[in-house]
Protein backbone atom coordinates (compact mmCIF):
# COMPACT_ATOMS: atom_id res chain seq x y z
CA MET A 1 89.73 138.17 166.44
CA ILE A 2 87.41 140.31 168.66
CA ASP A 3 87.87 140.74 172.44
CA ALA A 4 91.22 139.39 171.70
CA ASN A 5 92.77 140.28 175.61
CA SER A 6 90.10 137.69 176.92
CA VAL A 7 91.26 134.99 174.63
CA CYS A 8 93.84 132.65 176.37
CA GLU A 9 97.11 132.31 174.49
CA PRO A 10 96.53 128.61 173.67
CA LEU A 11 93.53 129.08 172.09
CA ALA A 12 94.52 132.24 170.34
CA LEU A 13 97.51 130.78 168.85
CA GLY A 14 95.15 127.61 167.44
CA ALA A 15 93.18 130.35 165.49
CA THR A 16 96.31 132.05 164.07
CA LEU A 17 97.76 128.82 162.88
CA VAL A 18 94.85 128.37 160.36
CA ALA A 19 95.20 131.61 158.79
CA ASN A 20 97.59 133.51 156.69
CA LYS A 21 96.84 136.74 158.33
CA PHE A 22 95.07 137.44 161.56
CA ILE A 23 93.97 140.90 163.41
CA MET A 24 93.50 141.13 167.16
CA VAL A 25 90.85 143.81 168.31
CA ASP A 26 90.45 144.63 171.89
CA ASP A 27 91.04 147.20 174.81
CA ILE A 28 94.78 147.37 175.87
CA ASN A 29 93.92 147.38 179.54
CA PRO A 30 95.62 144.23 181.24
CA PHE A 31 92.79 143.96 183.62
CA ASN A 32 90.48 142.66 180.79
CA GLY A 33 92.67 139.61 180.42
CA PRO A 34 91.64 136.00 180.27
CA GLN A 35 89.91 135.01 183.63
CA PHE A 36 90.18 131.68 185.00
CA LYS A 37 88.63 129.76 188.09
CA SER A 38 92.03 128.44 188.80
CA LYS A 39 94.33 131.09 190.35
CA GLU A 40 97.50 128.54 189.71
CA ALA A 41 96.47 128.50 185.87
CA GLY A 42 96.89 132.37 185.62
CA GLU A 43 99.99 132.72 187.76
CA LYS A 44 101.71 129.98 185.48
CA GLY A 45 101.04 132.25 182.46
CA LEU A 46 97.62 131.68 181.10
CA GLY A 47 96.52 135.06 182.88
CA GLU A 48 98.06 136.88 180.13
CA SER A 49 96.56 137.20 176.52
CA LEU A 50 98.79 136.65 173.13
CA PHE A 51 97.30 139.86 172.52
CA HIS A 52 98.76 141.77 175.39
CA ARG A 53 101.98 140.21 175.14
CA LEU A 54 102.30 140.91 171.43
CA PHE A 55 101.06 144.65 172.18
CA LYS A 56 103.90 145.03 175.09
CA GLN A 57 106.43 144.32 172.61
CA ASP A 58 105.88 147.30 171.05
CA ASN A 59 106.61 146.27 167.39
CA LYS A 60 105.34 148.04 164.19
CA SER A 61 102.54 145.31 163.90
CA SER A 62 100.52 146.96 166.66
CA ILE A 63 98.47 150.13 166.48
CA ILE A 64 96.07 152.12 169.00
CA LEU A 65 92.84 153.02 166.91
CA LYS A 66 91.78 156.47 168.22
CA LYS A 67 88.40 156.80 166.61
CA GLN A 68 85.31 154.90 168.03
CA TYR A 69 81.67 154.62 166.70
CA ARG A 70 79.85 153.32 169.81
CA PHE A 71 80.34 155.94 173.07
CA ASN A 72 78.88 159.37 173.58
CA GLN A 73 80.82 162.35 174.59
CA GLU A 74 80.57 161.42 178.53
CA ILE A 75 81.74 157.90 178.22
CA MET A 76 84.55 158.93 176.03
CA GLY A 77 85.20 161.30 178.88
CA LEU A 78 85.55 158.80 181.21
CA VAL A 79 87.95 156.53 178.96
CA ASN A 80 90.00 159.40 178.33
CA THR A 81 90.33 160.06 182.12
CA GLY A 82 90.59 156.64 183.35
CA CYS A 83 93.41 155.44 180.84
CA LYS A 84 96.35 157.06 180.90
CA GLY A 85 97.95 158.51 177.85
CA MET A 86 94.55 157.53 176.00
CA LYS A 87 92.52 159.85 173.75
CA ILE A 88 89.85 158.56 171.85
CA GLU A 89 87.63 160.73 169.27
CA LYS A 90 83.94 160.24 167.96
CA GLY A 91 83.80 158.37 164.63
CA SER A 92 81.36 160.04 163.30
CA SER A 93 78.97 163.10 163.96
CA GLN A 94 75.91 160.89 164.14
CA ILE A 95 76.62 159.35 167.63
CA GLN A 96 74.51 161.23 170.04
CA ASP A 97 75.93 163.30 172.99
């Protein structure tokens, strides 16, 4: 599931019910969670994704990928500065600086 942090929990659970295994990928930033027009829906639990809730449990099923293949050096610097404890690296020398 790509952009898993933006998928509300009921939809994510539905997808996992039909699979033997599943992989969720996204940024761990909680501000990127599901967006709703209804403030009440977010306050009643739909504002947090299954992805974020599972990641917070700090179990052995979660890993942080440190290599990326899209950002140049300047953008990686912004990410590394803006996200506490985050240090991403260039995954390929072919990425332009």
